[in-house]
Amino acid sequence: MHGWIILDKPYGMGSTDAVTAVKRAFRAGGHGKVKVGHGGTLDPLATGVLPIALGEATKLTGQMLNGDKTYDFTIAFGVQTDTLDVEGKPVAHSDVRPTLEQIETVLGRFTGPIEQVPPAFSALKVDGKRAYDLARAGEEVELASRAVTIHALKSSPARGGGPRSGGGEAGANELSLGSTPLPLHHPADGPPPRAGEDLNAITLTASVSKGTYIRSLARDIAQALGTVGHVTMLRRTQAGPFTLAGAISLDNLEQIRHGAAPEDIILPFEAGLDDIPALDLTPDQARRLQRGQVVTGIAAHDGRYWARGSDGTPLALVSLSDHEVRVVRGFNLG
C-alpha cells in the first residue's frame, strides 16, 4: 500500500501516537506490516490536518515538512504564559484589550518576510540539548531569530473570544493572572464584535512557510497591540497539497480494524505530489532515469518536478536544470 491517510488529528494526540494508531489499525484489520510516517509534527494541543504516509509515500514526508501550511488560531489577550499556550504558567499580564480595528491595523506588519524568535518551549537544540528540556529545567533559553514568511494573515472575528468581560474569579476553565480572568478555550462560534469593542480574544487565519511558530506569531501580534497574549486554539487546515476536505477522523480509521477496505480511506500516492508539476518521459528516458542516469534534452523550465513514465507511474522526484534531469528521490512503485 502506497498512499496517504489525511487524519483530522484530535486534541491531545501526538503525531507519533497518530502513526502508531494507523499501524495498529492495519495490523488489526489483517493487512500486515505497513511502513508508516507522518508529514509534519502537530503538537498534542493542536488539531487538524496530519498527513500520514504509507509505503513509498514515506519518501515524500521530508518534502511535506518543507511545504506551506495554513492554521486557524485564537489569541487570548491579557496573559502570556511561558509556553505561549494554555499548557504554560502565567509570566506576564496586561489590562489592555485591543479592538478589531486595532488588530487588523497591525496584521500587515506580520505579512510577508519577517524575523521571528522561536518559543523557548520548542524542539530546537541549544548546545546539543532540546530547548524545551532546558526551559522545563528552569534555565534561561535564548534562541536566535529566524527568517520566515507569512503569506497571508487575516482575522476571523465571528470566531473570536467575544467582548471583554470584567471582574469575577477564575473558574475551572480559566487562566488568571492579576485581576482579569481569561477563558482557556473559546467557543468555535460567536457574534462578531461591534466597532470599537474591546476584545478578550481573536481568531486569525495564517498561511505560513516552513519553520513558522504560530505561538511566536501570536506573542508578537499581542505585543504589537500593547498587550500580551497566548494561544488557546490551534487548528491546521492545510499542509502542502492536503486540506481538511480530504481528512478523516479516528472513527473512520478504526473502521479498518473491522474489515473496511483500506482503499476507502487511502488517497493515491500522487496526491502528495499535487503541488509539484509533472514531467512526462518517454519509455527510453524513463529507463535511463531509473538506472540513475542523467536525462538530457528536456525542454522545460528549470525547477523541481516529479517524473512519470508513459503509463503514468510516478518514477522519481527530479531536478531540472539546463535541460538536464537528475533524480532527487526515486520511487519503487512497479
C-alpha atoms as a PDB file:
ATOM      1  CA  MET A   1       0.000   0.000   0.000  1.00  0.00           C
ATOM      2  CA  HIS A   2       1.449   3.296  -1.149  1.00  0.00           C
ATOM      3  CA  GLY A   3      -0.534   6.432  -0.450  1.00  0.00           C
ATOM      4  CA  TRP A   4      -1.840   8.834   2.153  1.00  0.00           C
ATOM      5  CA  ILE A   5      -4.227   8.927   5.051  1.00  0.00           C
ATOM      6  CA  ILE A   6      -5.049  12.512   5.963  1.00  0.00           C
ATOM      7  CA  LEU A   7      -6.012  12.439   9.609  1.00  0.00           C
ATOM      8  CA  ASP A   8      -8.014  15.170  11.293  1.00  0.00           C
ATOM      9  CA  LYS A   9      -5.888  14.837  14.412  1.00  0.00           C
ATOM     10  CA  PRO A  10      -7.858  15.260  17.619  1.00  0.00           C
ATOM     11  CA  TYR A  11      -6.868  17.407  20.561  1.00  0.00           C
ATOM     12  CA  GLY A  12      -4.447  15.681  22.941  1.00  0.00           C
ATOM     13  CA  MET A  13      -2.936  13.200  20.479  1.00  0.00           C
ATOM     14  CA  GLY A  14       0.704  13.488  19.434  1.00  0.00           C
ATOM     15  CA  SER A  15       1.871  12.949  15.853  1.00  0.00           C
ATOM     16  CA  THR A  16       3.803   9.801  16.817  1.00  0.00           C
ATOM     17  CA  ASP A  17       0.688   8.470  18.549  1.00  0.00           C
ATOM     18  CA  ALA A  18      -1.243   9.016  15.322  1.00  0.00           C
ATOM     19  CA  VAL A  19       1.306   6.986  13.349  1.00  0.00           C
ATOM     20  CA  THR A  20       1.023   4.199  15.935  1.00  0.00           C
ATOM     21  CA  ALA A  21      -2.777   4.270  15.665  1.00  0.00           C
ATOM     22  CA  VAL A  22      -2.557   3.791  11.884  1.00  0.00           C
ATOM     23  CA  LYS A  23      -0.135   0.869  12.243  1.00  0.00           C
ATOM     24  CA  ARG A  24      -2.359  -0.824  14.813  1.00  0.00           C
ATOM     25  CA  ALA A  25      -5.466  -0.360  12.696  1.00  0.00           C
ATOM     26  CA  PHE A  26      -3.832  -2.030   9.701  1.00  0.00           C
ATOM     27  CA  ARG A  27      -2.486  -4.909  11.781  1.00  0.00           C
ATOM     28  CA  ALA A  28      -5.838  -5.456  13.478  1.00  0.00           C
ATOM     29  CA  GLY A  29      -7.548  -5.413  10.086  1.00  0.00           C
ATOM     30  CA  GLY A  30      -5.291  -8.206   8.849  1.00  0.00           C
ATOM     31  CA  HIS A  31      -3.271  -6.085   6.429  1.00  0.00           C
ATOM     32  CA  GLY A  32       0.120  -6.974   7.846  1.00  0.00           C
ATOM     33  CA  LYS A  33       3.014  -4.650   8.473  1.00  0.00           C
ATOM     34  CA  VAL A  34       2.840  -1.315   6.662  1.00  0.00           C
ATOM     35  CA  LYS A  35       5.580   1.308   6.552  1.00  0.00           C
ATOM     36  CA  VAL A  36       4.075   4.482   8.048  1.00  0.00           C
ATOM     37  CA  GLY A  37       5.342   8.021   8.691  1.00  0.00           C
ATOM     38  CA  HIS A  38       3.872  11.480   9.204  1.00  0.00           C
ATOM     39  CA  GLY A  39       4.355  14.584   7.111  1.00  0.00           C
ATOM     40  CA  GLY A  40       4.889  17.240   9.745  1.00  0.00           C
ATOM     41  CA  THR A  41       4.612  17.278  13.529  1.00  0.00           C
ATOM     42  CA  LEU A  42       1.423  18.649  15.017  1.00  0.00           C
ATOM     43  CA  ASP A  43       1.520  19.384  18.750  1.00  0.00           C
ATOM     44  CA  PRO A  44      -0.900  17.457  21.010  1.00  0.00           C
ATOM     45  CA  LEU A  45      -2.720  20.714  21.775  1.00  0.00           C
ATOM     46  CA  ALA A  46      -3.320  21.334  18.059  1.00  0.00           C
ATOM     47  CA  THR A  47      -5.924  19.681  15.848  1.00  0.00           C
ATOM     48  CA  GLY A  48      -6.372  19.299  12.129  1.00  0.00           C
ATOM     49  CA  VAL A  49      -4.534  18.120   9.047  1.00  0.00           C
ATOM     50  CA  LEU A  50      -1.867  15.497   9.738  1.00  0.00           C
ATOM     51  CA  PRO A  51      -0.681  13.714   6.561  1.00  0.00           C
ATOM     52  CA  ILE A  52       0.140  10.056   7.267  1.00  0.00           C
ATOM     53  CA  ALA A  53       2.305   8.467   4.567  1.00  0.00           C
ATOM     54  CA  LEU A  54       2.130   4.760   3.699  1.00  0.00           C
ATOM     55  CA  GLY A  55       4.752   2.691   1.888  1.00  0.00           C
ATOM     56  CA  GLU A  56       6.687   4.589  -0.770  1.00  0.00           C
ATOM     57  CA  ALA A  57       4.852   7.790   0.174  1.00  0.00           C
ATOM     58  CA  THR A  58       7.081   7.954   3.263  1.00  0.00           C
ATOM     59  CA  LYS A  59       9.791   9.135   0.865  1.00  0.00           C
ATOM     60  CA  LEU A  60       7.791  12.351   0.454  1.00  0.00           C
ATOM     61  CA  THR A  61       7.474  13.268   4.128  1.00  0.00           C
ATOM     62  CA  GLY A  62      10.603  15.422   4.003  1.00  0.00           C
ATOM     63  CA  GLN A  63       9.090  17.409   1.175  1.00  0.00           C
ATOM     64  CA  MET A  64       5.899  17.773   3.216  1.00  0.00           C
ATOM     65  CA  LEU A  65       7.892  19.292   6.085  1.00  0.00           C
ATOM     66  CA  ASN A  66       9.176  21.961   3.717  1.00  0.00           C
ATOM     67  CA  GLY A  67       5.729  22.847   2.398  1.00  0.00           C
ATOM     68  CA  ASP A  68       3.498  25.786   3.283  1.00  0.00           C
ATOM     69  CA  LYS A  69       0.807  25.333   5.909  1.00  0.00           C
ATOM     70  CA  THR A  70      -2.360  27.139   6.968  1.00  0.00           C
ATOM     71  CA  TYR A  71      -3.664  27.486  10.517  1.00  0.00           C
ATOM     72  CA  ASP A  72      -6.634  28.898  12.366  1.00  0.00           C
ATOM     73  CA  PHE A  73      -5.594  30.067  15.818  1.00  0.00           C
ATOM     74  CA  THR A  74      -7.047  32.021  18.702  1.00  0.00           C
ATOM     75  CA  ILE A  75      -5.078  34.557  20.726  1.00  0.00           C
ATOM     76  CA  ALA A  76      -6.361  35.274  24.236  1.00  0.00           C
ATOM     77  CA  PHE A  77      -5.237  38.728  25.310  1.00  0.00           C
ATOM     78  CA  GLY A  78      -4.133  39.751  28.788  1.00  0.00           C
ATOM     79  CA  VAL A  79      -1.976  36.791  29.839  1.00  0.00           C
ATOM     80  CA  GLN A  80       1.309  35.461  28.458  1.00  0.00           C
ATOM     81  CA  THR A  81       2.474  32.009  29.522  1.00  0.00           C
ATOM     82  CA  ASP A  82       5.977  30.557  29.440  1.00  0.00           C
ATOM     83  CA  THR A  83       4.938  28.080  26.726  1.00  0.00           C
ATOM     84  CA  LEU A  84       2.887  30.729  24.872  1.00  0.00           C
ATOM     85  CA  ASP A  85      -0.141  28.406  25.001  1.00  0.00           C
ATOM     86  CA  VAL A  86      -2.657  27.064  27.518  1.00  0.00           C
ATOM     87  CA  GLU A  87      -0.259  24.481  28.969  1.00  0.00           C
ATOM     88  CA  GLY A  88       2.135  27.032  30.415  1.00  0.00           C
ATOM     89  CA  LYS A  89       2.429  29.060  33.568  1.00  0.00           C
ATOM     90  CA  PRO A  90       1.498  32.767  33.536  1.00  0.00           C
ATOM     91  CA  VAL A  91       4.557  35.017  33.257  1.00  0.00           C
ATOM     92  CA  ALA A  92       3.046  38.393  32.331  1.00  0.00           C
ATOM     93  CA  HIS A  93      -0.277  40.148  32.279  1.00  0.00           C
ATOM     94  CA  SER A  94      -1.863  43.286  30.883  1.00  0.00           C
ATOM     95  CA  ASP A  95      -5.212  45.003  31.287  1.00  0.00           C
ATOM     96  CA  VAL A  96      -5.040  46.282  27.682  1.00  0.00           C
ATOM     97  CA  ARG A  97      -7.566  44.781  25.262  1.00  0.00           C
ATOM     98  CA  PRO A  98      -7.469  45.666  21.561  1.00  0.00           C
ATOM     99  CA  THR A  99     -10.382  46.384  19.270  1.00  0.00           C
ATOM    100  CA  LEU A 100     -10.896  44.566  15.981  1.00  0.00           C
ATOM    101  CA  GLU A 101      -9.847  47.725  14.135  1.00  0.00           C
ATOM    102  CA  GLN A 102      -6.561  47.847  16.056  1.00  0.00           C
ATOM    103  CA  ILE A 103      -5.912  44.164  15.407  1.00  0.00           C
ATOM    104  CA  GLU A 104      -6.481  44.487  11.671  1.00  0.00           C
ATOM    105  CA  THR A 105      -4.209  47.518  11.562  1.00  0.00           C
ATOM    106  CA  VAL A 106      -1.179  45.609  12.898  1.00  0.00           C
ATOM    107  CA  LEU A 107      -1.659  42.417  10.857  1.00  0.00           C
ATOM    108  CA  GLY A 108       0.103  43.993   7.899  1.00  0.00           C
ATOM    109  CA  ARG A 109       3.310  44.205   9.940  1.00  0.00           C
ATOM    110  CA  PHE A 110       3.325  40.414  10.145  1.00  0.00           C
ATOM    111  CA  THR A 111       2.602  39.668   6.499  1.00  0.00           C
ATOM    112  CA  GLY A 112       5.423  38.813   4.108  1.00  0.00           C
ATOM    113  CA  PRO A 113       9.030  38.035   5.120  1.00  0.00           C
ATOM    114  CA  ILE A 114       9.514  38.588   8.860  1.00  0.00           C
ATOM    115  CA  GLU A 115      12.031  37.762  11.579  1.00  0.00           C
ATOM    116  CA  GLN A 116      10.701  35.592  14.375  1.00  0.00           C
ATOM    117  CA  VAL A 117      12.156  34.362  17.671  1.00  0.00           C
ATOM    118  CA  PRO A 118      11.011  30.754  18.305  1.00  0.00           C
ATOM    119  CA  PRO A 119       9.417  29.854  21.653  1.00  0.00           C
ATOM    120  CA  ALA A 120      11.710  28.711  24.455  1.00  0.00           C
ATOM    121  CA  PHE A 121       9.481  25.641  24.680  1.00  0.00           C
ATOM    122  CA  SER A 122      10.373  24.225  21.262  1.00  0.00           C
ATOM    123  CA  ALA A 123      12.262  21.248  19.872  1.00  0.00           C
ATOM    124  CA  LEU A 124      15.141  23.402  18.614  1.00  0.00           C
ATOM    125  CA  LYS A 125      18.542  22.496  20.020  1.00  0.00           C
ATOM    126  CA  VAL A 126      20.763  24.717  22.157  1.00  0.00           C
ATOM    127  CA  ASP A 127      24.276  23.349  22.707  1.00  0.00           C
ATOM    128  CA  GLY A 128      23.031  19.886  21.767  1.00  0.00           C
ATOM    129  CA  LYS A 129      20.006  19.939  24.085  1.00  0.00           C
ATOM    130  CA  ARG A 130      16.340  20.487  23.275  1.00  0.00           C
ATOM    131  CA  ALA A 131      15.205  23.982  24.154  1.00  0.00           C
ATOM    132  CA  TYR A 132      12.086  22.675  25.904  1.00  0.00           C
ATOM    133  CA  ASP A 133      14.205  20.446  28.178  1.00  0.00           C
ATOM    134  CA  LEU A 134      16.274  23.444  29.234  1.00  0.00           C
ATOM    135  CA  ALA A 135      13.174  25.590  29.720  1.00  0.00           C
ATOM    136  CA  ARG A 136      11.466  22.938  31.832  1.00  0.00           C
ATOM    137  CA  ALA A 137      14.581  22.722  33.984  1.00  0.00           C
ATOM    138  CA  GLY A 138      14.243  26.436  34.687  1.00  0.00           C
ATOM    139  CA  GLU A 139      17.209  27.519  32.586  1.00  0.00           C
ATOM    140  CA  GLU A 140      17.185  30.732  30.590  1.00  0.00           C
ATOM    141  CA  VAL A 141      16.782  29.889  26.911  1.00  0.00           C
ATOM    142  CA  GLU A 142      17.868  32.364  24.249  1.00  0.00           C
ATOM    143  CA  LEU A 143      17.095  31.437  20.671  1.00  0.00           C
ATOM    144  CA  ALA A 144      18.213  33.355  17.614  1.00  0.00           C
ATOM    145  CA  SER A 145      15.606  34.933  15.384  1.00  0.00           C
ATOM    146  CA  ARG A 146      14.881  33.231  12.095  1.00  0.00           C
ATOM    147  CA  ALA A 147      13.501  34.379   8.766  1.00  0.00           C
ATOM    148  CA  VAL A 148      10.046  33.059   7.904  1.00  0.00           C
ATOM    149  CA  THR A 149       7.312  34.147   5.524  1.00  0.00           C
ATOM    150  CA  ILE A 150       3.680  34.814   6.372  1.00  0.00           C
ATOM    151  CA  HIS A 151       1.935  34.526   3.024  1.00  0.00           C
ATOM    152  CA  ALA A 152      -1.457  35.687   4.304  1.00  0.00           C
ATOM    153  CA  LEU A 153      -2.880  36.730   7.663  1.00  0.00           C
ATOM    154  CA  LYS A 154      -6.465  37.735   8.314  1.00  0.00           C
ATOM    155  CA  SER A 155      -8.940  37.958  11.168  1.00  0.00           C
ATOM    156  CA  SER A 156     -11.985  35.756  11.602  1.00  0.00           C
ATOM    157  CA  PRO A 157     -13.971  37.921  14.036  1.00  0.00           C
ATOM    158  CA  ALA A 158     -17.081  35.747  14.127  1.00  0.00           C
ATOM    159  CA  ARG A 159     -14.944  33.026  15.706  1.00  0.00           C
ATOM    160  CA  GLY A 160     -13.164  35.176  18.252  1.00  0.00           C
ATOM    161  CA  GLY A 161     -13.414  35.079  22.015  1.00  0.00           C
ATOM    162  CA  GLY A 162     -16.104  37.719  22.289  1.00  0.00           C
ATOM    163  CA  PRO A 163     -16.050  41.061  24.033  1.00  0.00           C
ATOM    164  CA  ARG A 164     -14.115  41.759  27.158  1.00  0.00           C
ATOM    165  CA  SER A 165     -15.830  40.782  30.392  1.00  0.00           C
ATOM    166  CA  GLY A 166     -14.637  42.201  33.676  1.00  0.00           C
ATOM    167  CA  GLY A 167     -14.294  41.018  37.250  1.00  0.00           C
ATOM    168  CA  GLY A 168     -15.094  37.700  38.835  1.00  0.00           C
ATOM    169  CA  GLU A 169     -12.990  34.796  39.964  1.00  0.00           C
ATOM    170  CA  ALA A 170     -11.285  32.410  37.567  1.00  0.00           C
ATOM    171  CA  GLY A 171     -13.211  29.179  37.163  1.00  0.00           C
ATOM    172  CA  ALA A 172     -12.020  25.681  36.284  1.00  0.00           C
ATOM    173  CA  ASN A 173     -11.633  26.581  32.617  1.00  0.00           C
ATOM    174  CA  GLU A 174      -9.867  29.891  33.143  1.00  0.00           C
ATOM    175  CA  LEU A 175      -6.319  31.077  33.469  1.00  0.00           C
ATOM    176  CA  SER A 176      -5.908  34.003  35.832  1.00  0.00           C
ATOM    177  CA  LEU A 177      -3.033  36.388  36.340  1.00  0.00           C
ATOM    178  CA  GLY A 178      -3.727  39.524  38.317  1.00  0.00           C
ATOM    179  CA  SER A 179      -7.345  40.616  38.448  1.00  0.00           C
ATOM    180  CA  THR A 180      -8.582  39.675  34.978  1.00  0.00           C
ATOM    181  CA  PRO A 181      -9.603  36.065  34.258  1.00  0.00           C
ATOM    182  CA  LEU A 182      -9.460  34.765  30.696  1.00  0.00           C
ATOM    183  CA  PRO A 183     -11.190  31.663  29.331  1.00  0.00           C
ATOM    184  CA  LEU A 184      -8.771  28.956  28.226  1.00  0.00           C
ATOM    185  CA  HIS A 185     -10.990  27.632  25.459  1.00  0.00           C
ATOM    186  CA  HIS A 186     -13.211  29.874  23.412  1.00  0.00           C
ATOM    187  CA  PRO A 187     -16.337  28.709  21.583  1.00  0.00           C
ATOM    188  CA  ALA A 188     -15.907  27.913  17.912  1.00  0.00           C
ATOM    189  CA  ASP A 189     -18.566  30.455  17.008  1.00  0.00           C
ATOM    190  CA  GLY A 190     -19.692  33.729  18.473  1.00  0.00           C
ATOM    191  CA  PRO A 191     -21.215  37.010  17.449  1.00  0.00           C
ATOM    192  CA  PRO A 192     -18.978  39.376  15.512  1.00  0.00           C
ATOM    193  CA  PRO A 193     -17.621  42.202  17.671  1.00  0.00           C
ATOM    194  CA  ARG A 194     -19.078  45.668  17.401  1.00  0.00           C
ATOM    195  CA  ALA A 195     -16.946  48.567  16.212  1.00  0.00           C
ATOM    196  CA  GLY A 196     -14.672  49.865  18.949  1.00  0.00           C
ATOM    197  CA  GLU A 197     -15.388  46.931  21.239  1.00  0.00           C
ATOM    198  CA  ASP A 198     -12.504  45.699  23.415  1.00  0.00           C
ATOM    199  CA  LEU A 199     -11.822  42.022  22.759  1.00  0.00           C
ATOM    200  CA  ASN A 200     -10.600  39.317  25.095  1.00  0.00           C
ATOM    201  CA  ALA A 201      -9.557  37.188  22.124  1.00  0.00           C
ATOM    202  CA  ILE A 202      -9.469  36.965  18.348  1.00  0.00           C
ATOM    203  CA  THR A 203      -9.255  34.075  15.899  1.00  0.00           C
ATOM    204  CA  LEU A 204      -6.910  34.523  12.942  1.00  0.00           C
ATOM    205  CA  THR A 205      -6.053  32.517   9.846  1.00  0.00           C
ATOM    206  CA  ALA A 206      -2.421  32.387   8.714  1.00  0.00           C
ATOM    207  CA  SER A 207      -0.778  30.803   5.684  1.00  0.00           C
ATOM    208  CA  VAL A 208       2.893  30.357   6.542  1.00  0.00           C
ATOM    209  CA  SER A 209       6.202  28.988   5.324  1.00  0.00           C
ATOM    210  CA  LYS A 210       8.117  26.155   6.941  1.00  0.00           C
ATOM    211  CA  GLY A 211       9.688  26.949  10.278  1.00  0.00           C
ATOM    212  CA  THR A 212       6.986  29.391  11.380  1.00  0.00           C
ATOM    213  CA  TYR A 213       5.866  29.146  15.004  1.00  0.00           C
ATOM    214  CA  ILE A 214       2.260  30.196  15.452  1.00  0.00           C
ATOM    215  CA  ARG A 215       2.795  30.643  19.196  1.00  0.00           C
ATOM    216  CA  SER A 216       5.538  33.186  18.486  1.00  0.00           C
ATOM    217  CA  LEU A 217       3.346  34.917  15.920  1.00  0.00           C
ATOM    218  CA  ALA A 218       0.563  35.232  18.494  1.00  0.00           C
ATOM    219  CA  ARG A 219       3.002  36.585  21.098  1.00  0.00           C
ATOM    220  CA  ASP A 220       4.358  39.197  18.695  1.00  0.00           C
ATOM    221  CA  ILE A 221       0.924  40.312  17.490  1.00  0.00           C
ATOM    222  CA  ALA A 222      -0.205  40.814  21.088  1.00  0.00           C
ATOM    223  CA  GLN A 223       2.920  42.813  21.895  1.00  0.00           C
ATOM    224  CA  ALA A 224       2.405  44.985  18.822  1.00  0.00           C
ATOM    225  CA  LEU A 225      -1.041  45.781  20.212  1.00  0.00           C
ATOM    226  CA  GLY A 226       0.456  46.944  23.507  1.00  0.00           C
ATOM    227  CA  THR A 227      -0.650  43.875  25.444  1.00  0.00           C
ATOM    228  CA  VAL A 228       0.324  40.231  25.941  1.00  0.00           C
ATOM    229  CA  GLY A 229      -1.327  37.006  24.845  1.00  0.00           C
ATOM    230  CA  HIS A 230      -1.155  33.272  24.357  1.00  0.00           C
ATOM    231  CA  VAL A 231      -2.653  30.681  22.005  1.00  0.00           C
ATOM    232  CA  THR A 232      -5.817  28.952  23.208  1.00  0.00           C
ATOM    233  CA  MET A 233      -6.789  27.192  19.976  1.00  0.00           C
ATOM    234  CA  LEU A 234      -4.672  25.952  17.079  1.00  0.00           C
ATOM    235  CA  ARG A 235      -6.058  24.065  14.094  1.00  0.00           C
ATOM    236  CA  ARG A 236      -4.127  23.214  10.942  1.00  0.00           C
ATOM    237  CA  THR A 237      -6.391  23.415   7.921  1.00  0.00           C
ATOM    238  CA  GLN A 238      -3.823  22.779   5.180  1.00  0.00           C
ATOM    239  CA  ALA A 239      -0.437  21.095   4.868  1.00  0.00           C
ATOM    240  CA  GLY A 240       1.186  21.084   1.439  1.00  0.00           C
ATOM    241  CA  PRO A 241      -1.430  19.807  -1.037  1.00  0.00           C
ATOM    242  CA  PHE A 242      -3.709  18.401   1.689  1.00  0.00           C
ATOM    243  CA  THR A 243      -6.684  20.129   3.330  1.00  0.00           C
ATOM    244  CA  LEU A 244      -9.404  19.276   5.825  1.00  0.00           C
ATOM    245  CA  ALA A 245     -11.685  18.395   2.912  1.00  0.00           C
ATOM    246  CA  GLY A 246      -9.800  15.122   2.466  1.00  0.00           C
ATOM    247  CA  ALA A 247      -9.243  14.397   6.159  1.00  0.00           C
ATOM    248  CA  ILE A 248     -10.789  11.570   8.159  1.00  0.00           C
ATOM    249  CA  SER A 249     -11.476  11.153  11.854  1.00  0.00           C
ATOM    250  CA  LEU A 250     -10.106   8.481  14.184  1.00  0.00           C
ATOM    251  CA  ASP A 251     -13.506   6.792  13.952  1.00  0.00           C
ATOM    252  CA  ASN A 252     -13.045   6.417  10.196  1.00  0.00           C
ATOM    253  CA  LEU A 253      -9.592   4.973  10.792  1.00  0.00           C
ATOM    254  CA  GLU A 254     -10.981   2.467  13.282  1.00  0.00           C
ATOM    255  CA  GLN A 255     -13.228   1.018  10.571  1.00  0.00           C
ATOM    256  CA  ILE A 256     -10.159  -0.660   9.063  1.00  0.00           C
ATOM    257  CA  ARG A 257      -9.951  -2.755  12.230  1.00  0.00           C
ATOM    258  CA  HIS A 258     -13.412  -4.096  11.480  1.00  0.00           C
ATOM    259  CA  GLY A 259     -12.909  -5.095   7.869  1.00  0.00           C
ATOM    260  CA  ALA A 260     -13.289  -1.855   5.918  1.00  0.00           C
ATOM    261  CA  ALA A 261     -11.221  -1.747   2.733  1.00  0.00           C
ATOM    262  CA  PRO A 262      -8.116   0.474   3.116  1.00  0.00           C
ATOM    263  CA  GLU A 263      -8.826   1.897  -0.339  1.00  0.00           C
ATOM    264  CA  ASP A 264     -11.876   3.616   1.136  1.00  0.00           C
ATOM    265  CA  ILE A 265      -9.716   6.000   3.154  1.00  0.00           C
ATOM    266  CA  ILE A 266      -6.317   5.975   1.417  1.00  0.00           C
ATOM    267  CA  LEU A 267      -5.565   8.735  -1.056  1.00  0.00           C
ATOM    268  CA  PRO A 268      -3.326   7.775  -4.005  1.00  0.00           C
ATOM    269  CA  PHE A 269       0.429   8.217  -3.896  1.00  0.00           C
ATOM    270  CA  GLU A 270       0.193  11.029  -6.454  1.00  0.00           C
ATOM    271  CA  ALA A 271      -1.956  13.101  -4.088  1.00  0.00           C
ATOM    272  CA  GLY A 272       1.236  14.040  -2.245  1.00  0.00           C
ATOM    273  CA  LEU A 273       2.592  15.499  -5.480  1.00  0.00           C
ATOM    274  CA  ASP A 274      -0.346  17.718  -6.398  1.00  0.00           C
ATOM    275  CA  ASP A 275       1.602  20.908  -5.682  1.00  0.00           C
ATOM    276  CA  ILE A 276       4.548  19.871  -7.913  1.00  0.00           C
ATOM    277  CA  PRO A 277       4.385  19.849 -11.739  1.00  0.00           C
ATOM    278  CA  ALA A 278       4.673  16.508 -13.516  1.00  0.00           C
ATOM    279  CA  LEU A 279       7.280  15.761 -16.168  1.00  0.00           C
ATOM    280  CA  ASP A 280       6.331  13.145 -18.771  1.00  0.00           C
ATOM    281  CA  LEU A 281       9.128  10.913 -20.020  1.00  0.00           C
ATOM    282  CA  THR A 282       9.376   8.575 -22.957  1.00  0.00           C
ATOM    283  CA  PRO A 283       9.994   4.873 -22.245  1.00  0.00           C
ATOM    284  CA  ASP A 284      13.691   5.309 -23.115  1.00  0.00           C
ATOM    285  CA  GLN A 285      14.065   8.375 -20.893  1.00  0.00           C
ATOM    286  CA  ALA A 286      12.266   6.570 -18.070  1.00  0.00           C
ATOM    287  CA  ARG A 287      14.632   3.587 -18.291  1.00  0.00           C
ATOM    288  CA  ARG A 288      17.663   5.856 -18.153  1.00  0.00           C
ATOM    289  CA  LEU A 289      16.279   7.748 -15.189  1.00  0.00           C
ATOM    290  CA  GLN A 290      15.554   4.524 -13.285  1.00  0.00           C
ATOM    291  CA  ARG A 291      19.173   3.487 -13.809  1.00  0.00           C
ATOM    292  CA  GLY A 292      20.298   6.699 -12.151  1.00  0.00           C
ATOM    293  CA  GLN A 293      21.491   8.285 -15.384  1.00  0.00           C
ATOM    294  CA  VAL A 294      21.085  11.955 -16.253  1.00  0.00           C
ATOM    295  CA  VAL A 295      18.366  12.535 -18.848  1.00  0.00           C
ATOM    296  CA  THR A 296      19.235  15.313 -21.291  1.00  0.00           C
ATOM    297  CA  GLY A 297      17.373  17.327 -23.890  1.00  0.00           C
ATOM    298  CA  ILE A 298      14.317  18.102 -21.751  1.00  0.00           C
ATOM    299  CA  ALA A 299      12.503  21.216 -22.965  1.00  0.00           C
ATOM    300  CA  ALA A 300      11.024  22.641 -19.772  1.00  0.00           C
ATOM    301  CA  HIS A 301      11.723  25.380 -17.234  1.00  0.00           C
ATOM    302  CA  ASP A 302      14.319  24.731 -14.545  1.00  0.00           C
ATOM    303  CA  GLY A 303      12.915  23.565 -11.232  1.00  0.00           C
ATOM    304  CA  ARG A 304      11.580  20.632  -9.282  1.00  0.00           C
ATOM    305  CA  TYR A 305       9.273  18.077 -10.879  1.00  0.00           C
ATOM    306  CA  TRP A 306       8.018  14.571 -10.405  1.00  0.00           C
ATOM    307  CA  ALA A 307       8.794  12.361 -13.366  1.00  0.00           C
ATOM    308  CA  ARG A 308       6.311   9.810 -14.642  1.00  0.00           C
ATOM    309  CA  GLY A 309       6.513   7.098 -17.239  1.00  0.00           C
ATOM    310  CA  SER A 310       4.359   6.731 -20.321  1.00  0.00           C
ATOM    311  CA  ASP A 311       1.861   4.670 -18.288  1.00  0.00           C
ATOM    312  CA  GLY A 312       1.544   7.446 -15.685  1.00  0.00           C
ATOM    313  CA  THR A 313       3.546   5.665 -12.958  1.00  0.00           C
ATOM    314  CA  PRO A 314       5.496   8.090 -10.729  1.00  0.00           C
ATOM    315  CA  LEU A 315       9.211   7.361 -11.107  1.00  0.00           C
ATOM    316  CA  ALA A 316      11.049   9.951  -9.031  1.00  0.00           C
ATOM    317  CA  LEU A 317      11.300  13.433  -7.654  1.00  0.00           C
ATOM    318  CA  VAL A 318      13.695  15.161 -10.025  1.00  0.00           C
ATOM    319  CA  SER A 319      15.571  18.407 -10.509  1.00  0.00           C
ATOM    320  CA  LEU A 320      15.674  20.001 -13.954  1.00  0.00           C
ATOM    321  CA  SER A 321      18.493  22.394 -14.812  1.00  0.00           C
ATOM    322  CA  ASP A 322      19.831  23.421 -18.223  1.00  0.00           C
ATOM    323  CA  HIS A 323      17.644  20.805 -19.934  1.00  0.00           C
ATOM    324  CA  GLU A 324      19.119  18.023 -17.768  1.00  0.00           C
ATOM    325  CA  VAL A 325      17.085  15.927 -15.336  1.00  0.00           C
ATOM    326  CA  ARG A 326      18.624  14.362 -12.237  1.00  0.00           C
ATOM    327  CA  VAL A 327      16.964  12.133  -9.661  1.00  0.00           C
ATOM    328  CA  VAL A 328      16.397  13.649  -6.195  1.00  0.00           C
ATOM    329  CA  ARG A 329      14.421  10.705  -4.780  1.00  0.00           C
ATOM    330  CA  GLY A 330      13.434   7.606  -6.672  1.00  0.00           C
ATOM    331  CA  PHE A 331      10.193   5.637  -6.168  1.00  0.00           C
ATOM    332  CA  ASN A 332       9.685   1.898  -6.365  1.00  0.00           C
ATOM    333  CA  LEU A 333       6.064   1.570  -7.394  1.00  0.00           C
ATOM    334  CA  GLY A 334       6.444  -1.105 -10.053  1.00  0.00           C
END
